[in-house]
Protein backbone atom coordinates (compact mmCIF):
# COMPACT_ATOMS: atom_id res chain seq x y z
CA UNK A 1 2.59 163.21 -13.28
CA UNK A 2 4.57 160.01 -13.71
CA UNK A 3 5.32 160.05 -10.00
CA UNK A 4 1.70 160.61 -9.17
CA UNK A 5 0.69 157.80 -11.54
CA UNK A 6 3.21 155.59 -9.86
CA UNK A 7 1.68 156.39 -6.49
CA UNK A 8 -1.80 155.62 -7.74
CA UNK A 9 -0.54 152.36 -9.19
CA UNK A 10 1.04 151.46 -5.84
CA UNK A 11 -2.19 152.27 -4.01
CA UNK A 12 -4.15 150.12 -6.44
CA UNK A 13 -1.74 147.23 -5.88
CA UNK A 14 -2.09 147.56 -2.13
CA UNK A 15 -5.87 147.59 -2.40
CA UNK A 16 -5.80 144.52 -4.64
CA UNK A 17 -3.61 142.70 -2.12
CA UNK A 18 -6.05 143.56 0.67
CA UNK A 19 -8.99 142.39 -1.42
CA UNK A 20 -7.15 139.16 -2.19
CA UNK A 21 -6.36 138.68 1.52
CA UNK A 22 -9.98 139.17 2.62
CA UNK A 23 -11.32 136.85 -0.09
CA UNK A 24 -8.85 134.15 0.90
CA UNK A 25 -9.96 134.47 4.53
CA UNK A 26 -13.68 134.31 3.75
CA UNK A 27 -13.46 130.61 4.60
CA UNK A 28 -11.83 128.88 7.56
CA UNK A 29 -8.35 127.44 7.16
CA UNK A 30 -9.77 123.90 7.23
CA UNK A 31 -12.24 124.73 4.46
CA UNK A 32 -9.46 126.29 2.38
CA UNK A 33 -7.35 123.17 2.79
CA UNK A 34 -10.29 121.00 1.74
CA UNK A 35 -10.89 123.11 -1.38
CA UNK A 36 -7.22 122.90 -2.30
CA UNK A 37 -7.05 119.13 -1.74
CA UNK A 38 -10.26 118.48 -3.69
CA UNK A 39 -9.19 120.66 -6.61
CA UNK A 40 -5.79 118.92 -6.75
CA UNK A 41 -7.52 115.52 -6.87
CA UNK A 42 -9.84 116.64 -9.67
CA UNK A 43 -7.10 118.23 -11.81
CA UNK A 44 -4.90 115.15 -11.46
CA UNK A 45 -7.84 112.98 -12.54
CA UNK A 46 -8.43 115.26 -15.55
CA UNK A 47 -4.77 115.05 -16.55
CA UNK A 48 -4.84 111.26 -16.29
CA UNK A 49 -8.01 111.05 -18.37
CA UNK A 50 -7.20 113.72 -20.93
CA UNK A 51 -9.93 116.13 -19.78
CA UNK A 52 -9.97 119.91 -19.33
CA UNK A 53 -10.52 120.84 -15.65
CA UNK A 54 -11.34 124.51 -16.24
CA UNK A 55 -13.91 125.06 -17.48
CA UNK A 56 -15.04 121.49 -17.01
CA UNK A 57 -17.84 120.14 -19.18
CA UNK A 58 -20.87 118.36 -17.76
CA UNK A 59 -19.54 115.14 -19.28
CA UNK A 60 -16.21 115.50 -17.49
CA UNK A 61 -17.89 116.13 -14.15
CA UNK A 62 -20.28 113.19 -14.61
CA UNK A 63 -17.44 110.80 -15.42
CA UNK A 64 -15.45 112.02 -12.43
CA UNK A 65 -18.34 111.77 -9.98
CA UNK A 66 -19.44 108.35 -11.23
CA UNK A 67 -15.94 107.04 -10.46
CA UNK A 68 -15.99 108.63 -7.01
CA UNK A 69 -19.34 106.99 -6.27
CA UNK A 70 -17.69 103.55 -6.26
CA UNK A 71 -15.24 104.42 -3.49
CA UNK A 72 -16.43 107.56 -1.63
CA UNK A 73 -19.26 108.65 0.63
CA UNK A 74 -21.93 110.94 -0.74
CA UNK A 75 -20.87 113.69 1.68
CA UNK A 76 -17.33 113.61 0.21
CA UNK A 77 -18.71 113.73 -3.33
CA UNK A 78 -20.83 116.78 -2.48
CA UNK A 79 -17.79 118.50 -0.98
CA UNK A 80 -15.75 117.77 -4.12
CA UNK A 81 -18.50 119.34 -6.24
CA UNK A 82 -18.48 122.43 -4.02
CA UNK A 83 -14.72 122.74 -4.40
CA UNK A 84 -14.91 122.42 -8.18
CA UNK A 85 -17.72 125.00 -8.27
CA UNK A 86 -15.64 127.43 -6.21
CA UNK A 87 -12.65 127.10 -8.55
CA UNK A 88 -14.91 127.86 -11.51
CA UNK A 89 -16.49 130.87 -9.81
CA UNK A 90 -13.09 132.41 -9.07
CA UNK A 91 -12.28 132.18 -12.77
CA UNK A 92 -15.71 133.61 -13.68
CA UNK A 93 -17.05 130.37 -15.15
CA UNK A 94 -20.48 128.96 -14.41
CA UNK A 95 -20.39 126.28 -11.68
CA UNK A 96 -20.65 122.82 -13.31
CA UNK A 97 -23.23 121.62 -10.79
CA UNK A 98 -25.78 123.91 -12.48
CA UNK A 99 -25.82 121.59 -15.49
CA UNK A 100 -28.94 119.42 -15.52
CA UNK A 101 -26.91 116.26 -16.23
CA UNK A 102 -24.74 116.83 -13.15
CA UNK A 103 -27.77 117.51 -10.96
CA UNK A 104 -29.47 114.32 -12.17
CA UNK A 105 -26.32 112.31 -11.57
CA UNK A 106 -25.93 113.64 -8.02
CA UNK A 107 -29.53 112.76 -7.26
CA UNK A 108 -28.96 109.25 -8.58
CA UNK A 109 -25.79 108.81 -6.50
CA UNK A 110 -27.64 110.11 -3.46
CA UNK A 111 -30.40 107.53 -3.93
CA UNK A 112 -27.97 104.70 -4.60
CA UNK A 113 -25.33 105.12 -1.89
CA UNK A 114 -27.38 107.19 0.55
CA UNK A 115 -26.56 110.27 2.57
CA UNK A 116 -26.41 108.77 6.02
CA UNK A 117 -23.07 109.21 7.75
CA UNK A 118 -22.05 107.10 10.71
CA UNK A 119 -21.55 109.78 13.37
CA UNK A 120 -18.79 109.53 15.94
CA UNK A 121 -19.91 108.92 19.51
CA UNK A 122 -20.29 111.78 21.94
CA UNK A 123 -17.87 111.84 24.87
CA UNK A 124 -20.48 111.90 27.61
CA UNK A 125 -20.05 113.58 30.98
CA UNK A 126 -20.14 110.31 32.93
CA UNK A 127 -17.18 108.96 30.94
CA UNK A 128 -15.02 112.03 31.56
CA UNK A 129 -13.80 111.13 35.12
CA UNK A 130 -12.55 107.71 34.02
CA UNK A 131 -10.90 109.27 30.98
CA UNK A 132 -9.11 111.94 33.01
CA UNK A 133 -8.02 109.27 35.50
CA UNK A 134 -6.05 107.58 32.70
CA UNK A 135 -3.86 110.65 32.23
CA UNK A 136 -0.43 110.71 33.88
CA UNK A 137 -0.41 114.29 35.15
CA UNK A 138 3.10 113.92 36.52
CA UNK A 139 4.30 114.56 32.97
CA UNK A 140 4.19 117.74 30.88
CA UNK A 141 2.20 115.97 28.16
CA UNK A 142 -0.26 114.69 30.75
CA UNK A 143 -0.94 118.17 32.17
CA UNK A 144 -1.47 119.50 28.64
CA UNK A 145 -3.76 116.63 27.62
CA UNK A 146 -5.90 117.04 30.74
CA UNK A 147 -6.33 120.73 29.92
CA UNK A 148 -7.20 119.95 26.29
CA UNK A 149 -9.89 117.44 27.23
CA UNK A 150 -11.49 119.49 30.02
CA UNK A 151 -11.36 122.85 28.25
CA UNK A 152 -12.38 121.35 24.91
CA UNK A 153 -15.38 119.70 26.57
CA UNK A 154 -16.36 122.81 28.54
CA UNK A 155 -16.13 125.05 25.49
CA UNK A 156 -17.91 122.53 23.22
CA UNK A 157 -15.12 123.38 20.82
CA UNK A 158 -14.41 122.45 17.28
CA UNK A 159 -10.84 121.19 17.08
CA UNK A 160 -9.75 124.17 14.97
CA UNK A 161 -11.15 126.55 17.59
CA UNK A 162 -9.39 124.76 20.43
CA UNK A 163 -5.91 124.80 18.94
CA UNK A 164 -6.30 128.41 17.74
CA UNK A 165 -6.53 129.73 21.33
CA UNK A 166 -3.67 131.98 22.41
CA UNK A 167 -2.63 132.93 25.94
CA UNK A 168 -3.83 136.46 25.16
CA UNK A 169 -7.34 135.06 24.53
CA UNK A 170 -7.78 134.03 28.17
CA UNK A 171 -9.21 136.25 30.89
CA UNK A 172 -9.71 134.72 34.33
CA UNK A 173 -12.17 136.32 36.73
CA UNK A 174 -13.93 135.47 40.02
CA UNK A 175 -16.59 133.35 38.31
CA UNK A 176 -14.43 131.49 35.82
CA UNK A 177 -12.71 132.31 32.56
CA UNK A 178 -13.56 134.09 29.32
CA UNK A 179 -12.04 132.57 26.21
CA UNK A 180 -11.83 134.49 22.95
CA UNK A 181 -12.24 132.04 20.08
CA UNK A 182 -10.51 133.43 17.02
CA UNK A 183 -11.39 130.82 14.42
CA UNK A 184 -14.75 129.20 13.76
CA UNK A 185 -16.10 127.05 10.98
CA UNK A 186 -18.19 129.77 9.43
CA UNK A 187 -16.22 132.96 9.94
CA UNK A 188 -13.15 134.45 11.57
CA UNK A 189 -14.93 136.88 13.87
CA UNK A 190 -13.98 136.76 17.55
CA UNK A 191 -16.41 134.88 19.77
CA UNK A 192 -16.31 134.95 23.58
CA UNK A 193 -17.14 131.78 25.47
CA UNK A 194 -17.37 131.56 29.24
CA UNK A 195 -16.15 128.65 31.37
CA UNK A 196 -17.14 128.49 35.04
CA UNK A 197 -15.14 127.29 38.04
CA UNK A 198 -16.29 123.82 39.11
CA UNK A 199 -13.97 123.68 42.17
CA UNK A 200 -13.20 119.98 41.69
CA UNK A 201 -10.48 117.93 39.99
CA UNK A 202 -12.30 118.30 36.68
CA UNK A 203 -12.30 122.10 36.69
CA UNK A 204 -11.30 123.38 33.21
CA UNK A 205 -10.22 126.75 34.63
CA UNK A 206 -7.92 125.12 37.19
CA UNK A 207 -6.55 122.77 34.51
CA UNK A 208 -5.76 125.76 32.29
CA UNK A 209 -3.98 127.61 35.09
CA UNK A 210 -1.91 124.51 35.92
CA UNK A 211 -0.88 124.02 32.27
CA UNK A 212 0.08 127.68 31.84
CA UNK A 213 2.12 127.56 35.07
CA UNK A 214 4.02 124.36 34.33
CA UNK A 215 4.57 125.11 30.64
CA UNK A 216 5.78 128.65 31.37
CA UNK A 217 4.02 129.85 28.22
CA UNK A 218 3.52 133.59 28.43
CA UNK A 219 2.43 134.48 24.92
CA UNK A 220 1.16 132.90 21.71
CA UNK A 221 -0.44 129.44 21.29
CA UNK A 222 -1.91 127.89 24.42
CA UNK A 223 -1.66 124.29 23.24
CA UNK A 224 1.62 123.18 21.69
CA UNK A 225 3.33 120.00 20.60
CA UNK A 226 5.89 118.44 22.94
CA UNK A 227 8.78 116.31 21.71
CA UNK A 228 10.03 113.13 23.38
CA UNK A 229 12.62 115.12 25.31
CA UNK A 230 9.93 117.29 26.90
CA UNK A 231 10.63 120.34 24.78
CA UNK A 232 7.60 122.52 24.04
CA UNK A 233 7.43 123.28 20.33
CA UNK A 234 4.96 124.96 17.95
CA UNK A 235 1.15 125.26 17.97
CA UNK A 236 -0.57 121.90 18.22
CA UNK A 237 -2.28 120.75 15.02
CA UNK A 238 -6.04 120.24 15.07
CA UNK A 239 -5.58 116.58 14.09
CA UNK A 240 -3.67 116.02 17.34
CA UNK A 241 -6.87 116.69 19.33
CA UNK A 242 -8.50 113.59 17.86
CA UNK A 243 -5.37 111.51 18.50
CA UNK A 244 -5.30 112.59 22.14
CA UNK A 245 -8.96 111.62 22.64
CA UNK A 246 -8.46 108.27 20.91
CA UNK A 247 -5.38 107.53 23.03
CA UNK A 248 -7.19 107.72 26.36
CA UNK A 249 -10.41 106.21 25.04
CA UNK A 250 -8.34 103.21 23.99
CA UNK A 251 -6.80 102.97 27.44
CA UNK A 252 -10.33 102.77 28.85
CA UNK A 253 -10.90 99.66 26.74
CA UNK A 254 -13.38 101.41 24.45
CA UNK A 255 -13.15 101.44 20.65
CA UNK A 256 -11.10 104.50 19.71
CA UNK A 257 -12.53 104.38 16.18
CA UNK A 258 -15.92 105.38 17.58
CA UNK A 259 -14.61 108.75 18.77
CA UNK A 260 -13.10 111.86 17.20
CA UNK A 261 -12.29 115.46 18.12
CA UNK A 262 -15.96 116.33 17.58
CA UNK A 263 -16.81 113.97 20.46
CA UNK A 264 -15.95 116.77 22.90
CA UNK A 265 -18.38 119.17 21.25
CA UNK A 266 -21.22 116.69 20.91
CA UNK A 267 -20.48 115.31 24.40
CA UNK A 268 -21.01 118.64 26.15
CA UNK A 269 -24.12 119.39 24.09
CA UNK A 270 -25.77 116.00 24.60
CA UNK A 271 -24.83 115.78 28.29
CA UNK A 272 -26.16 119.30 28.92
CA UNK A 273 -29.46 118.39 27.24
CA UNK A 274 -29.75 115.27 29.41
CA UNK A 275 -29.34 117.44 32.51
CA UNK A 276 -32.09 119.84 31.48
CA UNK A 277 -30.09 122.69 29.93
CA UNK A 278 -32.11 124.70 27.43
CA UNK A 279 -31.34 124.87 23.74
CA UNK A 280 -30.45 128.55 24.13
CA UNK A 281 -27.91 127.77 26.85
CA UNK A 282 -26.33 125.04 24.72
CA UNK A 283 -26.24 127.27 21.63
CA UNK A 284 -24.50 130.02 23.60
CA UNK A 285 -21.67 127.61 24.33
CA UNK A 286 -21.45 125.83 20.98
CA UNK A 287 -21.83 128.99 18.92
CA UNK A 288 -24.49 127.47 16.67
CA UNK A 289 -26.58 130.10 14.91
CA UNK A 290 -29.54 127.82 14.14
CA UNK A 291 -31.28 125.13 16.20
CA UNK A 292 -31.13 122.39 13.57
CA UNK A 293 -27.86 120.80 14.71
CA UNK A 294 -28.46 121.56 18.39
CA UNK A 295 -31.85 119.82 18.14
CA UNK A 296 -30.04 116.60 17.26
CA UNK A 297 -27.99 116.82 20.44
CA UNK A 298 -31.08 117.62 22.50
CA UNK A 299 -33.04 114.72 21.03
CA UNK A 300 -30.15 112.37 21.71
CA UNK A 301 -29.88 113.65 25.27
CA UNK A 302 -33.61 113.29 25.94
CA UNK A 303 -34.03 109.92 24.22
CA UNK A 304 -34.50 108.05 27.49
CA UNK A 305 -36.45 110.73 29.34
CA UNK A 306 -40.23 110.53 29.30
CA UNK A 307 -39.86 107.59 26.92
CA UNK A 308 -43.05 105.66 26.16
CA UNK A 309 -41.25 102.32 26.54
CA UNK A 310 -40.89 103.07 30.28
CA UNK A 311 -44.46 101.79 30.81
CA UNK A 312 -42.91 98.31 30.95
CA UNK A 313 -41.82 99.23 34.48
CA UNK A 314 -45.45 98.86 35.51
CA UNK A 315 -45.55 95.12 34.74
């Protein structure tokens, strides 16, 4: 019986480990890192101010948020609240944001500092040729960077999706290439995106084939870091995508601070809308489940089409 009990205990431990694993992976890696960073900031503040972080009182949360309001954007404050709530939920405490004082404070901060974020500019289709022309494709880094920009644009990828691609996720066919995206913002389910042959120097499929050939990568991460000696190392970090974009944007004489990794995603979406692509077609490529965000891209793309101010042409 003791042996049997031991077996049952082992099974229970294995099940608990699986449960723990699935719970931990209910959010993307980026979201998990944000939660961890936010919670660390809050607990350090509590230690400095002699406050209990868990469970945190409404007074503690209000003091913390009022200090944040002097230096942080409202979007960051909301994210911090979400992270604190999540930590409380995991310990079976009520989320502090449910307290009426915290809700009132958040509303006041929202009114005072506003919710508007300055969005990064979209990397539009017409800018892409000049950007690619700045890349020295005689180097290993240049071939990789060209592939990152063209494939990232074609896939309308989030940076985490782009760097998570493995060689095994690619399937080239007569029409183009299927790419299995393993990590998304909302869930870790696989998602297939198609990329078509364009048969020109800006073809993302051709750029991918060239990078795979010259890098000699046969398995694992598609995009990897490269040291100054030309040695191919580990999987490229998602932050590197933004740095690559900013590098070539700067060489074009444009303000690199206006662009980020998301510029590839918004660039494809906005450019496609300008060229008459439907919302459904854009959503199939971006992976958006609702039209709210896609509508913003469409409106931006159609801003100068059928615009009432065009009547001035008749003067």
